[in-house]
Amino acid sequence: MHEMSIAQNLLEIISQEMAKNGMTTLHTVKIKYGRMASVVPEALETAFMAVTIKTDLEGAVLELEEIPVTLECSDCGHEFTPDEDEILLHPCPQCGQDFGHTVKTGRELYIEYIEAE
């Protein structure tokens, strides 16, 4: 469960940003993660709740948004989003190429915004 280490890193980053800006109360933090980032949203919510207990961040709302996978075909350059049931092969819908695509989106993991005062 790597979500616990993600939550601990989030806590550290958020605490540093709040201290840097003189803020003491966190209301909301929004996290965007790529579908290929292997984040289990429910596990991250639980881990975030666990690491913020008895801290200044306790009770903050964690919003999560998944970023879909976007690939660029290695043969024709067409960008497409593979079907969710195509786990191993992602044939290009334009030319049929199966392999060698470039991942354009879907690996991200970052803080979109923090609402605090």
Foldseek 3Di string as FASTA:
>chain_A
DCLLVVLVVVVVVVVVVCVVVVFQAWAEWEKEAFQVQPDDVVVNVVSNQVVCPPHSHHPHYYHYHYDFWWWQDPPPRDIDGADPVPDPWGADPPPRDTDDIDTPDRGDIDIPDIDTD
